[in-house]
Amino acid sequence: MRALDLSDVTWRKSSYSNQDGGACLEVADDIPALVPVRDSKAPARGVLLFGAEAWTRFVGAYRSTSA
């Protein structure tokens, strides 16, 4: 498996993050077919990589349970 260079991606706060600064999730949209996700409070702890389809299904499932 090759390493993925994420040093130039643009991170944005996810709309699913807590607005008062609590549970802050950041995602990057710069990589086709992948969605990198990290904790904005501890970005050096690492990144989770989701396939774009898997991320879409995850977000859809979350929406359906939180509505």
C-alpha atoms as a PDB file:
ATOM      1  CA  MET A   1       0.000   0.000   0.000  1.00  0.00           C
ATOM      2  CA  ARG A   2       1.389   3.403  -0.904  1.00  0.00           C
ATOM      3  CA  ALA A   3       1.290   6.460   1.347  1.00  0.00           C
ATOM      4  CA  LEU A   4      -1.086   9.266   0.493  1.00  0.00           C
ATOM      5  CA  ASP A   5       0.283  12.810   0.719  1.00  0.00           C
ATOM      6  CA  LEU A   6      -2.348  14.970   2.428  1.00  0.00           C
ATOM      7  CA  SER A   7      -0.104  17.979   3.038  1.00  0.00           C
ATOM      8  CA  ASP A   8      -1.749  20.081   0.324  1.00  0.00           C
ATOM      9  CA  VAL A   9      -5.419  19.241   0.887  1.00  0.00           C
ATOM     10  CA  THR A  10      -7.867  21.869   2.072  1.00  0.00           C
ATOM     11  CA  TRP A  11      -9.663  20.873   5.255  1.00  0.00           C
ATOM     12  CA  ARG A  12     -13.133  22.166   6.073  1.00  0.00           C
ATOM     13  CA  LYS A  13     -15.281  21.723   9.133  1.00  0.00           C
ATOM     14  CA  SER A  14     -17.986  19.162   8.492  1.00  0.00           C
ATOM     15  CA  SER A  15     -21.583  20.317   8.691  1.00  0.00           C
ATOM     16  CA  TYR A  16     -22.043  17.438  11.151  1.00  0.00           C
ATOM     17  CA  SER A  17     -19.636  18.994  13.655  1.00  0.00           C
ATOM     18  CA  ASN A  18     -20.877  20.541  16.850  1.00  0.00           C
ATOM     19  CA  GLN A  19     -21.112  24.313  16.300  1.00  0.00           C
ATOM     20  CA  ASP A  20     -19.963  25.222  19.830  1.00  0.00           C
ATOM     21  CA  GLY A  21     -16.479  23.805  19.255  1.00  0.00           C
ATOM     22  CA  GLY A  22     -17.133  20.404  20.783  1.00  0.00           C
ATOM     23  CA  ALA A  23     -17.123  17.442  18.412  1.00  0.00           C
ATOM     24  CA  CYS A  24     -15.257  18.939  15.459  1.00  0.00           C
ATOM     25  CA  LEU A  25     -14.861  16.795  12.391  1.00  0.00           C
ATOM     26  CA  GLU A  26     -12.926  18.012   9.339  1.00  0.00           C
ATOM     27  CA  VAL A  27     -13.103  16.598   5.831  1.00  0.00           C
ATOM     28  CA  ALA A  28     -11.133  17.282   2.663  1.00  0.00           C
ATOM     29  CA  ASP A  29     -12.760  17.345  -0.775  1.00  0.00           C
ATOM     30  CA  ASP A  30      -9.565  17.533  -2.856  1.00  0.00           C
ATOM     31  CA  ILE A  31      -9.079  13.826  -3.606  1.00  0.00           C
ATOM     32  CA  PRO A  32     -11.332  12.142  -6.162  1.00  0.00           C
ATOM     33  CA  ALA A  33     -12.923   8.911  -4.901  1.00  0.00           C
ATOM     34  CA  LEU A  34     -11.626   9.390  -1.313  1.00  0.00           C
ATOM     35  CA  VAL A  35     -12.856  11.394   1.674  1.00  0.00           C
ATOM     36  CA  PRO A  36     -10.177  12.050   4.304  1.00  0.00           C
ATOM     37  CA  VAL A  37     -11.627  12.727   7.782  1.00  0.00           C
ATOM     38  CA  ARG A  38      -9.835  13.958  10.913  1.00  0.00           C
ATOM     39  CA  ASP A  39     -10.470  15.364  14.376  1.00  0.00           C
ATOM     40  CA  SER A  40      -9.878  19.118  14.177  1.00  0.00           C
ATOM     41  CA  LYS A  41      -8.864  19.227  17.840  1.00  0.00           C
ATOM     42  CA  ALA A  42      -6.087  16.664  17.263  1.00  0.00           C
ATOM     43  CA  PRO A  43      -5.122  16.663  13.557  1.00  0.00           C
ATOM     44  CA  ALA A  44      -1.737  15.059  14.221  1.00  0.00           C
ATOM     45  CA  ARG A  45      -3.424  11.918  15.572  1.00  0.00           C
ATOM     46  CA  GLY A  46      -4.187  10.754  12.068  1.00  0.00           C
ATOM     47  CA  VAL A  47      -6.715  10.629   9.279  1.00  0.00           C
ATOM     48  CA  LEU A  48      -9.378   8.114   8.362  1.00  0.00           C
ATOM     49  CA  LEU A  49      -9.842   7.546   4.631  1.00  0.00           C
ATOM     50  CA  PHE A  50     -13.252   6.602   3.324  1.00  0.00           C
ATOM     51  CA  GLY A  51     -14.160   5.673  -0.211  1.00  0.00           C
ATOM     52  CA  ALA A  52     -16.520   8.331  -1.592  1.00  0.00           C
ATOM     53  CA  GLU A  53     -19.391   5.837  -1.933  1.00  0.00           C
ATOM     54  CA  ALA A  54     -18.872   4.507   1.586  1.00  0.00           C
ATOM     55  CA  TRP A  55     -18.833   8.059   2.985  1.00  0.00           C
ATOM     56  CA  THR A  56     -22.049   8.905   1.117  1.00  0.00           C
ATOM     57  CA  ARG A  57     -23.749   5.803   2.546  1.00  0.00           C
ATOM     58  CA  PHE A  58     -22.449   6.601   6.046  1.00  0.00           C
ATOM     59  CA  VAL A  59     -23.740  10.189   5.917  1.00  0.00           C
ATOM     60  CA  GLY A  60     -27.068   8.985   4.508  1.00  0.00           C
ATOM     61  CA  ALA A  61     -27.436   6.443   7.305  1.00  0.00           C
ATOM     62  CA  TYR A  62     -26.582   9.103   9.892  1.00  0.00           C
ATOM     63  CA  ARG A  63     -29.159  11.481   8.447  1.00  0.00           C
ATOM     64  CA  SER A  64     -31.871   8.845   8.545  1.00  0.00           C
ATOM     65  CA  THR A  65     -31.212   8.024  12.219  1.00  0.00           C
ATOM     66  CA  SER A  66     -30.826  11.618  13.427  1.00  0.00           C
ATOM     67  CA  ALA A  67     -33.942  13.037  11.759  1.00  0.00           C
END
